[in-house]
Amino acid sequence: YSYPLAVGLLGGSMVVLATGTAGWALGWRAGRMALGEAVRWE
């Protein structure tokens, strides 16, 4: 169990968490925009 490996795993998990959160936020915003368009075109 080496120190660089621990740092790499921690950094990788942080990147995954950050990109996952950003992807969820973008998807939620896109979904709201699509829903708004659908409601407006009703």
Foldseek 3Di string as FASTA:
>chain_A
DDPVVVVVVVVVVVVVVVVVVVVVVVVVVVVVVVVVVVVVVD
